[in-house]
Amino acid sequence: MPHGQEEERHCQEDRSEQQGQEVEHRFRSVNEAAALLSQPASAEALDGLQRLFIAARKRKTDVETWC
């Protein structure tokens, strides 16, 4: 296998693994968001929800620029 193809295969494997971790983390984030939304609206709940969305947006950008 030529060197370039091998690098691309490793990159695809890494990307696939990272995307799998992203999906798993997204499910955890959705569960956390649901728990926050089930509570009466409070500054703490809204702040936690905002942090989740900011982190999710950053991870999305990280995955898009991975390879």
PDB file of N, CA and C in Angstrom:
ATOM      1  N   MET A   1       0.856  -1.180   0.000  1.00  0.00           N
ATOM      2  CA  MET A   1       0.000   0.000   0.000  1.00  0.00           C
ATOM      3  C   MET A   1       0.896   1.236   0.000  1.00  0.00           C
ATOM      4  N   PRO A   2       0.703   2.164  -0.945  1.00  0.00           N
ATOM      5  CA  PRO A   2       1.515   3.388  -0.968  1.00  0.00           C
ATOM      6  C   PRO A   2       1.337   4.189   0.318  1.00  0.00           C
ATOM      7  N   HIS A   3       2.371   4.936   0.635  1.00  0.00           N
ATOM      8  CA  HIS A   3       2.409   5.678   1.902  1.00  0.00           C
ATOM      9  C   HIS A   3       1.216   6.619   2.053  1.00  0.00           C
ATOM     10  N   GLY A   4       0.835   7.341   1.009  1.00  0.00           N
ATOM     11  CA  GLY A   4      -0.286   8.283   1.078  1.00  0.00           C
ATOM     12  C   GLY A   4      -1.595   7.599   1.392  1.00  0.00           C
ATOM     13  N   GLN A   5      -1.820   6.427   0.798  1.00  0.00           N
ATOM     14  CA  GLN A   5      -3.066   5.693   1.047  1.00  0.00           C
ATOM     15  C   GLN A   5      -3.114   5.186   2.490  1.00  0.00           C
ATOM     16  N   GLU A   6      -1.969   4.760   2.987  1.00  0.00           N
ATOM     17  CA  GLU A   6      -1.924   4.276   4.376  1.00  0.00           C
ATOM     18  C   GLU A   6      -2.229   5.417   5.348  1.00  0.00           C
ATOM     19  N   GLU A   7      -1.654   6.602   5.087  1.00  0.00           N
ATOM     20  CA  GLU A   7      -1.936   7.758   5.948  1.00  0.00           C
ATOM     21  C   GLU A   7      -3.422   8.108   5.910  1.00  0.00           C
ATOM     22  N   GLU A   8      -4.014   8.080   4.710  1.00  0.00           N
ATOM     23  CA  GLU A   8      -5.438   8.396   4.567  1.00  0.00           C
ATOM     24  C   GLU A   8      -6.297   7.376   5.321  1.00  0.00           C
ATOM     25  N   ARG A   9      -5.919   6.095   5.272  1.00  0.00           N
ATOM     26  CA  ARG A   9      -6.668   5.055   5.983  1.00  0.00           C
ATOM     27  C   ARG A   9      -6.604   5.312   7.486  1.00  0.00           C
ATOM     28  N   HIS A  10      -5.402   5.657   7.998  1.00  0.00           N
ATOM     29  CA  HIS A  10      -5.269   5.945   9.431  1.00  0.00           C
ATOM     30  C   HIS A  10      -6.092   7.178   9.810  1.00  0.00           C
ATOM     31  N   CYS A  11      -6.075   8.178   8.939  1.00  0.00           N
ATOM     32  CA  CYS A  11      -6.837   9.390   9.191  1.00  0.00           C
ATOM     33  C   CYS A  11      -8.329   9.061   9.250  1.00  0.00           C
ATOM     34  N   GLN A  12      -8.805   8.236   8.324  1.00  0.00           N
ATOM     35  CA  GLN A  12     -10.217   7.854   8.315  1.00  0.00           C
ATOM     36  C   GLN A  12     -10.575   7.066   9.570  1.00  0.00           C
ATOM     37  N   GLU A  13      -9.681   6.184  10.009  1.00  0.00           N
ATOM     38  CA  GLU A  13      -9.940   5.416  11.232  1.00  0.00           C
ATOM     39  C   GLU A  13     -10.010   6.349  12.438  1.00  0.00           C
ATOM     40  N   ASP A  14      -9.069   7.309  12.506  1.00  0.00           N
ATOM     41  CA  ASP A  14      -9.069   8.267  13.613  1.00  0.00           C
ATOM     42  C   ASP A  14     -10.340   9.109  13.596  1.00  0.00           C
ATOM     43  N   ARG A  15     -10.736   9.552  12.408  1.00  0.00           N
ATOM     44  CA  ARG A  15     -11.936  10.372  12.259  1.00  0.00           C
ATOM     45  C   ARG A  15     -13.169   9.577  12.685  1.00  0.00           C
ATOM     46  N   SER A  16     -13.224   8.319  12.274  1.00  0.00           N
ATOM     47  CA  SER A  16     -14.357   7.468  12.622  1.00  0.00           C
ATOM     48  C   SER A  16     -14.435   7.282  14.136  1.00  0.00           C
ATOM     49  N   GLU A  17     -13.293   7.044  14.764  1.00  0.00           N
ATOM     50  CA  GLU A  17     -13.263   6.867  16.220  1.00  0.00           C
ATOM     51  C   GLU A  17     -13.698   8.154  16.920  1.00  0.00           C
ATOM     52  N   GLN A  18     -13.202   9.293  16.437  1.00  0.00           N
ATOM     53  CA  GLN A  18     -13.571  10.565  17.058  1.00  0.00           C
ATOM     54  C   GLN A  18     -15.065  10.834  16.874  1.00  0.00           C
ATOM     55  N   GLN A  19     -15.600  10.515  15.706  1.00  0.00           N
ATOM     56  CA  GLN A  19     -17.028  10.723  15.476  1.00  0.00           C
ATOM     57  C   GLN A  19     -17.855   9.822  16.391  1.00  0.00           C
ATOM     58  N   GLY A  20     -17.403   8.596  16.627  1.00  0.00           N
ATOM     59  CA  GLY A  20     -18.089   7.702  17.554  1.00  0.00           C
ATOM     60  C   GLY A  20     -18.102   8.272  18.963  1.00  0.00           C
ATOM     61  N   GLN A  21     -16.970   8.841  19.378  1.00  0.00           N
ATOM     62  CA  GLN A  21     -16.900   9.462  20.694  1.00  0.00           C
ATOM     63  C   GLN A  21     -17.801  10.688  20.752  1.00  0.00           C
ATOM     64  N   GLU A  22     -17.866  11.429  19.635  1.00  0.00           N
ATOM     65  CA  GLU A  22     -18.721  12.612  19.566  1.00  0.00           C
ATOM     66  C   GLU A  22     -20.184  12.227  19.739  1.00  0.00           C
ATOM     67  N   VAL A  23     -20.607  11.156  19.085  1.00  0.00           N
ATOM     68  CA  VAL A  23     -21.998  10.702  19.198  1.00  0.00           C
ATOM     69  C   VAL A  23     -22.294  10.300  20.638  1.00  0.00           C
ATOM     70  N   GLU A  24     -21.372   9.565  21.240  1.00  0.00           N
ATOM     71  CA  GLU A  24     -21.563   9.148  22.634  1.00  0.00           C
ATOM     72  C   GLU A  24     -21.670  10.364  23.551  1.00  0.00           C
ATOM     73  N   HIS A  25     -20.789  11.340  23.324  1.00  0.00           N
ATOM     74  CA  HIS A  25     -20.810  12.540  24.163  1.00  0.00           C
ATOM     75  C   HIS A  25     -22.096  13.336  23.927  1.00  0.00           C
ATOM     76  N   ARG A  26     -22.562  13.362  22.683  1.00  0.00           N
ATOM     77  CA  ARG A  26     -23.792  14.087  22.351  1.00  0.00           C
ATOM     78  C   ARG A  26     -24.974  13.497  23.109  1.00  0.00           C
ATOM     79  N   PHE A  27     -25.029  12.163  23.210  1.00  0.00           N
ATOM     80  CA  PHE A  27     -26.115  11.538  23.964  1.00  0.00           C
ATOM     81  C   PHE A  27     -26.046  11.941  25.436  1.00  0.00           C
ATOM     82  N   ARG A  28     -24.838  11.973  25.986  1.00  0.00           N
ATOM     83  CA  ARG A  28     -24.692  12.410  27.378  1.00  0.00           C
ATOM     84  C   ARG A  28     -25.140  13.862  27.524  1.00  0.00           C
ATOM     85  N   SER A  29     -24.754  14.709  26.561  1.00  0.00           N
ATOM     86  CA  SER A  29     -25.124  16.125  26.611  1.00  0.00           C
ATOM     87  C   SER A  29     -26.628  16.304  26.519  1.00  0.00           C
ATOM     88  N   VAL A  30     -27.278  15.524  25.672  1.00  0.00           N
ATOM     89  CA  VAL A  30     -28.738  15.601  25.544  1.00  0.00           C
ATOM     90  C   VAL A  30     -29.393  15.208  26.864  1.00  0.00           C
ATOM     91  N   ASN A  31     -28.879  14.167  27.497  1.00  0.00           N
ATOM     92  CA  ASN A  31     -29.438  13.749  28.787  1.00  0.00           C
ATOM     93  C   ASN A  31     -29.238  14.832  29.853  1.00  0.00           C
ATOM     94  N   GLU A  32     -28.058  15.468  29.842  1.00  0.00           N
ATOM     95  CA  GLU A  32     -27.806  16.544  30.798  1.00  0.00           C
ATOM     96  C   GLU A  32     -28.739  17.720  30.531  1.00  0.00           C
ATOM     97  N   ALA A  33     -28.910  18.057  29.247  1.00  0.00           N
ATOM     98  CA  ALA A  33     -29.800  19.166  28.889  1.00  0.00           C
ATOM     99  C   ALA A  33     -31.240  18.857  29.306  1.00  0.00           C
ATOM    100  N   ALA A  34     -31.671  17.631  29.074  1.00  0.00           N
ATOM    101  CA  ALA A  34     -33.030  17.239  29.458  1.00  0.00           C
ATOM    102  C   ALA A  34     -33.214  17.352  30.971  1.00  0.00           C
ATOM    103  N   ALA A  35     -32.202  16.954  31.711  1.00  0.00           N
ATOM    104  CA  ALA A  35     -32.290  17.059  33.172  1.00  0.00           C
ATOM    105  C   ALA A  35     -32.387  18.525  33.592  1.00  0.00           C
ATOM    106  N   LEU A  36     -31.605  19.391  32.936  1.00  0.00           N
ATOM    107  CA  LEU A  36     -31.661  20.814  33.270  1.00  0.00           C
ATOM    108  C   LEU A  36     -33.020  21.417  32.904  1.00  0.00           C
ATOM    109  N   LEU A  37     -33.550  21.000  31.752  1.00  0.00           N
ATOM    110  CA  LEU A  37     -34.829  21.553  31.304  1.00  0.00           C
ATOM    111  C   LEU A  37     -35.994  21.071  32.154  1.00  0.00           C
ATOM    112  N   SER A  38     -35.845  19.930  32.825  1.00  0.00           N
ATOM    113  CA  SER A  38     -36.936  19.413  33.651  1.00  0.00           C
ATOM    114  C   SER A  38     -37.013  20.147  34.992  1.00  0.00           C
ATOM    115  N   GLN A  39     -35.985  20.945  35.296  1.00  0.00           N
ATOM    116  CA  GLN A  39     -35.989  21.712  36.537  1.00  0.00           C
ATOM    117  C   GLN A  39     -36.642  23.071  36.285  1.00  0.00           C
ATOM    118  N   PRO A  40     -37.140  23.704  37.342  1.00  0.00           N
ATOM    119  CA  PRO A  40     -37.656  25.071  37.167  1.00  0.00           C
ATOM    120  C   PRO A  40     -36.514  25.956  36.637  1.00  0.00           C
ATOM    121  N   ALA A  41     -36.856  26.879  35.760  1.00  0.00           N
ATOM    122  CA  ALA A  41     -35.838  27.762  35.167  1.00  0.00           C
ATOM    123  C   ALA A  41     -35.125  28.527  36.277  1.00  0.00           C
ATOM    124  N   SER A  42     -33.844  28.418  36.280  1.00  0.00           N
ATOM    125  CA  SER A  42     -33.033  29.153  37.239  1.00  0.00           C
ATOM    126  C   SER A  42     -31.791  29.637  36.497  1.00  0.00           C
ATOM    127  N   ALA A  43     -31.122  30.599  37.059  1.00  0.00           N
ATOM    128  CA  ALA A  43     -29.911  31.125  36.445  1.00  0.00           C
ATOM    129  C   ALA A  43     -28.880  30.007  36.296  1.00  0.00           C
ATOM    130  N   GLU A  44     -28.796  29.131  37.291  1.00  0.00           N
ATOM    131  CA  GLU A  44     -27.832  28.031  37.241  1.00  0.00           C
ATOM    132  C   GLU A  44     -28.155  27.062  36.106  1.00  0.00           C
ATOM    133  N   ALA A  45     -29.431  26.727  35.944  1.00  0.00           N
ATOM    134  CA  ALA A  45     -29.838  25.806  34.879  1.00  0.00           C
ATOM    135  C   ALA A  45     -29.576  26.421  33.507  1.00  0.00           C
ATOM    136  N   LEU A  46     -29.913  27.699  33.345  1.00  0.00           N
ATOM    137  CA  LEU A  46     -29.698  28.362  32.059  1.00  0.00           C
ATOM    138  C   LEU A  46     -28.206  28.483  31.749  1.00  0.00           C
ATOM    139  N   ASP A  47     -27.401  28.760  32.758  1.00  0.00           N
ATOM    140  CA  ASP A  47     -25.953  28.849  32.568  1.00  0.00           C
ATOM    141  C   ASP A  47     -25.381  27.490  32.162  1.00  0.00           C
ATOM    142  N   GLY A  48     -25.848  26.424  32.815  1.00  0.00           N
ATOM    143  CA  GLY A  48     -25.375  25.077  32.469  1.00  0.00           C
ATOM    144  C   GLY A  48     -25.755  24.694  31.048  1.00  0.00           C
ATOM    145  N   LEU A  49     -26.960  25.052  30.652  1.00  0.00           N
ATOM    146  CA  LEU A  49     -27.424  24.758  29.298  1.00  0.00           C
ATOM    147  C   LEU A  49     -26.600  25.537  28.271  1.00  0.00           C
ATOM    148  N   GLN A  50     -26.313  26.775  28.561  1.00  0.00           N
ATOM    149  CA  GLN A  50     -25.498  27.589  27.657  1.00  0.00           C
ATOM    150  C   GLN A  50     -24.097  26.984  27.514  1.00  0.00           C
ATOM    151  N   ARG A  51     -23.502  26.531  28.609  1.00  0.00           N
ATOM    152  CA  ARG A  51     -22.165  25.899  28.547  1.00  0.00           C
ATOM    153  C   ARG A  51     -22.201  24.644  27.687  1.00  0.00           C
ATOM    154  N   LEU A  52     -23.283  23.849  27.803  1.00  0.00           N
ATOM    155  CA  LEU A  52     -23.406  22.640  26.981  1.00  0.00           C
ATOM    156  C   LEU A  52     -23.448  22.986  25.497  1.00  0.00           C
ATOM    157  N   PHE A  53     -24.221  23.993  25.125  1.00  0.00           N
ATOM    158  CA  PHE A  53     -24.326  24.372  23.721  1.00  0.00           C
ATOM    159  C   PHE A  53     -23.007  24.912  23.187  1.00  0.00           C
ATOM    160  N   ILE A  54     -22.304  25.713  23.986  1.00  0.00           N
ATOM    161  CA  ILE A  54     -21.011  26.254  23.561  1.00  0.00           C
ATOM    162  C   ILE A  54     -20.012  25.115  23.366  1.00  0.00           C
ATOM    163  N   ALA A  55     -19.982  24.162  24.289  1.00  0.00           N
ATOM    164  CA  ALA A  55     -19.065  23.023  24.174  1.00  0.00           C
ATOM    165  C   ALA A  55     -19.409  22.171  22.954  1.00  0.00           C
ATOM    166  N   ALA A  56     -20.702  21.970  22.699  1.00  0.00           N
ATOM    167  CA  ALA A  56     -21.115  21.168  21.542  1.00  0.00           C
ATOM    168  C   ALA A  56     -20.706  21.857  20.245  1.00  0.00           C
ATOM    169  N   ARG A  57     -20.853  23.152  20.182  1.00  0.00           N
ATOM    170  CA  ARG A  57     -20.453  23.898  18.983  1.00  0.00           C
ATOM    171  C   ARG A  57     -18.946  23.786  18.757  1.00  0.00           C
ATOM    172  N   LYS A  58     -18.148  23.867  19.834  1.00  0.00           N
ATOM    173  CA  LYS A  58     -16.697  23.751  19.710  1.00  0.00           C
ATOM    174  C   LYS A  58     -16.313  22.359  19.221  1.00  0.00           C
ATOM    175  N   ARG A  59     -16.939  21.317  19.777  1.00  0.00           N
ATOM    176  CA  ARG A  59     -16.626  19.946  19.355  1.00  0.00           C
ATOM    177  C   ARG A  59     -16.981  19.737  17.889  1.00  0.00           C
ATOM    178  N   LYS A  60     -18.095  20.308  17.449  1.00  0.00           N
ATOM    179  CA  LYS A  60     -18.497  20.191  16.050  1.00  0.00           C
ATOM    180  C   LYS A  60     -17.410  20.786  15.159  1.00  0.00           C
ATOM    181  N   THR A  61     -16.886  21.941  15.518  1.00  0.00           N
ATOM    182  CA  THR A  61     -15.821  22.581  14.750  1.00  0.00           C
ATOM    183  C   THR A  61     -14.561  21.723  14.777  1.00  0.00           C
ATOM    184  N   ASP A  62     -14.235  21.157  15.944  1.00  0.00           N
ATOM    185  CA  ASP A  62     -13.047  20.305  16.061  1.00  0.00           C
ATOM    186  C   ASP A  62     -13.161  19.091  15.154  1.00  0.00           C
ATOM    187  N   VAL A  63     -14.332  18.466  15.099  1.00  0.00           N
ATOM    188  CA  VAL A  63     -14.527  17.280  14.259  1.00  0.00           C
ATOM    189  C   VAL A  63     -14.425  17.662  12.789  1.00  0.00           C
ATOM    190  N   GLU A  64     -14.994  18.795  12.408  1.00  0.00           N
ATOM    191  CA  GLU A  64     -14.953  19.225  11.008  1.00  0.00           C
ATOM    192  C   GLU A  64     -13.533  19.496  10.539  1.00  0.00           C
ATOM    193  N   THR A  65     -12.652  19.963  11.426  1.00  0.00           N
ATOM    194  CA  THR A  65     -11.284  20.315  11.033  1.00  0.00           C
ATOM    195  C   THR A  65     -10.282  19.224  11.390  1.00  0.00           C
ATOM    196  N   TRP A  66     -10.759  18.060  11.804  1.00  0.00           N
ATOM    197  CA  TRP A  66      -9.871  16.980  12.270  1.00  0.00           C
ATOM    198  C   TRP A  66      -8.887  16.544  11.201  1.00  0.00           C
ATOM    199  N   CYS A  67      -9.341  16.286   9.990  1.00  0.00           N
ATOM    200  CA  CYS A  67      -8.454  15.854   8.900  1.00  0.00           C
ATOM    201  C   CYS A  67      -8.671  16.716   7.683  1.00  0.00           C
TER     202      CYS A  67
END
